[in-house]
């Protein structure tokens, strides 16, 4: 199947400008062109764009994404380095999750505290207004 740049943008969740930027910085290979010279993205292209989007969501820097994208062209010979990049990024994500879990624990603690305060205050007919953090 073939997709116009507008359809590829819609399906990938990326903007047309981002698709062109990714092509310009060599994160994606220039897509095939149709008879009129317009970009024609494939399902494989969309799969790669989906993977790149996930890498960005993990916080991977563009520079590292470009390295990974470049290594793809070396096939199995670059599998070790590509794996190492993903292992490093996985560690970074795990560290961020642990940090966010600590934040979530603090929020839960404070919410529980306010539940207790609310029960006491509402038990006396008062409202939550005027109770400070």
Protein backbone atom coordinates (compact mmCIF):
# COMPACT_ATOMS: atom_id res chain seq x y z
CA UNK A 1 0.00 0.00 0.00
CA UNK A 2 1.13 3.55 -0.71
CA UNK A 3 0.39 6.69 1.31
CA UNK A 4 0.74 10.37 0.47
CA UNK A 5 2.74 12.52 2.84
CA UNK A 6 -0.51 13.88 4.30
CA UNK A 7 -1.83 10.36 4.92
CA UNK A 8 1.53 9.22 6.34
CA UNK A 9 1.47 12.21 8.68
CA UNK A 10 -2.06 11.41 9.79
CA UNK A 11 -1.33 7.72 10.32
CA UNK A 12 1.99 8.30 12.12
CA UNK A 13 0.79 11.19 14.25
CA UNK A 14 3.70 13.29 13.01
CA UNK A 15 3.38 16.53 11.12
CA UNK A 16 4.26 16.85 7.46
CA UNK A 17 7.08 19.19 8.49
CA UNK A 18 8.42 16.53 10.88
CA UNK A 19 8.34 13.90 8.13
CA UNK A 20 10.32 16.19 5.84
CA UNK A 21 12.72 17.03 8.69
CA UNK A 22 13.29 13.35 9.48
CA UNK A 23 14.05 12.78 5.81
CA UNK A 24 16.41 15.77 5.68
CA UNK A 25 18.41 14.60 8.73
CA UNK A 26 18.45 11.02 7.42
CA UNK A 27 16.31 9.44 10.13
CA UNK A 28 14.15 8.09 7.33
CA UNK A 29 15.11 7.14 3.83
CA UNK A 30 13.56 9.30 1.16
CA UNK A 31 10.32 7.53 0.30
CA UNK A 32 9.59 6.33 -3.20
CA UNK A 33 7.92 8.83 -5.51
CA UNK A 34 4.73 8.31 -7.44
CA UNK A 35 4.34 9.10 -11.15
CA UNK A 36 3.71 12.76 -10.31
CA UNK A 37 6.89 12.94 -8.19
CA UNK A 38 5.06 13.03 -4.84
CA UNK A 39 6.32 11.09 -1.85
CA UNK A 40 4.72 7.65 -1.54
CA UNK A 41 5.15 6.08 1.90
CA UNK A 42 4.82 2.32 2.42
CA UNK A 43 3.59 0.29 5.37
CA UNK A 44 7.25 -0.41 6.17
CA UNK A 45 7.93 3.34 6.20
CA UNK A 46 5.03 3.83 8.61
CA UNK A 47 6.35 1.03 10.82
CA UNK A 48 9.75 2.73 10.99
CA UNK A 49 8.10 6.08 11.76
CA UNK A 50 6.17 4.40 14.57
CA UNK A 51 9.40 3.03 16.01
CA UNK A 52 11.08 6.44 15.77
CA UNK A 53 8.12 7.99 17.56
CA UNK A 54 8.52 5.49 20.41
CA UNK A 55 12.23 6.24 20.62
CA UNK A 56 11.45 9.97 20.92
CA UNK A 57 8.89 9.22 23.63
CA UNK A 58 11.62 7.46 25.59
CA UNK A 59 13.64 10.66 25.45
CA UNK A 60 16.25 9.36 23.05
CA UNK A 61 18.21 12.26 21.57
CA UNK A 62 17.94 12.82 17.81
CA UNK A 63 21.70 12.30 17.50
CA UNK A 64 21.39 8.78 18.94
CA UNK A 65 18.36 8.08 16.76
CA UNK A 66 20.37 9.10 13.71
CA UNK A 67 23.16 6.75 14.74
CA UNK A 68 20.67 3.91 15.12
CA UNK A 69 19.05 4.74 11.76
CA UNK A 70 22.44 4.79 10.05
CA UNK A 71 23.40 1.44 11.55
CA UNK A 72 20.29 -0.21 10.09
CA UNK A 73 21.93 -0.09 6.67
CA UNK A 74 24.78 -2.32 7.85
CA UNK A 75 22.45 -5.25 8.50
CA UNK A 76 23.43 -7.97 10.94
CA UNK A 77 26.97 -6.61 11.23
CA UNK A 78 25.61 -3.69 13.27
CA UNK A 79 23.18 -5.70 15.40
CA UNK A 80 25.43 -5.55 18.47
CA UNK A 81 25.74 -1.78 18.39
CA UNK A 82 22.02 -1.30 17.71
CA UNK A 83 21.21 -3.58 20.61
CA UNK A 84 23.62 -1.63 22.86
CA UNK A 85 21.87 1.63 21.95
CA UNK A 86 18.50 0.13 22.87
CA UNK A 87 19.86 -1.41 26.10
CA UNK A 88 21.26 1.99 27.13
CA UNK A 89 17.96 3.67 26.34
CA UNK A 90 16.05 1.00 28.23
CA UNK A 91 18.17 1.75 31.33
CA UNK A 92 17.43 5.44 30.94
CA UNK A 93 13.69 4.71 30.69
CA UNK A 94 13.81 2.39 33.72
CA UNK A 95 15.57 5.12 35.73
CA UNK A 96 12.92 7.66 34.70
CA UNK A 97 10.14 5.25 35.64
CA UNK A 98 11.70 4.77 39.08
CA UNK A 99 11.93 8.53 39.52
CA UNK A 100 8.32 8.99 38.43
CA UNK A 101 7.25 6.18 40.77
CA UNK A 102 8.78 8.13 43.66
CA UNK A 103 6.81 11.19 42.55
CA UNK A 104 3.64 9.09 42.32
CA UNK A 105 4.25 7.75 45.83
CA UNK A 106 4.54 11.31 47.17
CA UNK A 107 1.34 12.33 45.41
CA UNK A 108 -0.48 9.29 46.80
CA UNK A 109 0.76 10.14 50.30
CA UNK A 110 -0.50 13.72 50.03
CA UNK A 111 -3.84 12.62 48.58
CA UNK A 112 -4.27 10.15 51.44
CA UNK A 113 -3.41 12.93 53.89
CA UNK A 114 -6.06 15.19 52.37
CA UNK A 115 -8.59 12.35 52.43
CA UNK A 116 -8.01 12.11 56.18
CA UNK A 117 -8.24 15.88 56.64
CA UNK A 118 -11.38 16.00 54.53
CA UNK A 119 -13.03 13.24 56.57
CA UNK A 120 -12.27 15.12 59.79
CA UNK A 121 -13.39 18.49 58.43
CA UNK A 122 -16.48 17.22 56.69
CA UNK A 123 -17.36 15.24 59.77
CA UNK A 124 -17.73 18.56 61.59
CA UNK A 125 -19.73 20.18 58.78
CA UNK A 126 -16.89 22.44 57.59
CA UNK A 127 -15.55 22.64 54.03
CA UNK A 128 -12.05 22.15 52.58
CA UNK A 129 -11.63 25.90 51.93
CA UNK A 130 -8.97 27.45 54.04
CA UNK A 131 -6.98 24.26 54.58
CA UNK A 132 -3.38 24.85 53.54
CA UNK A 133 -0.94 22.48 51.87
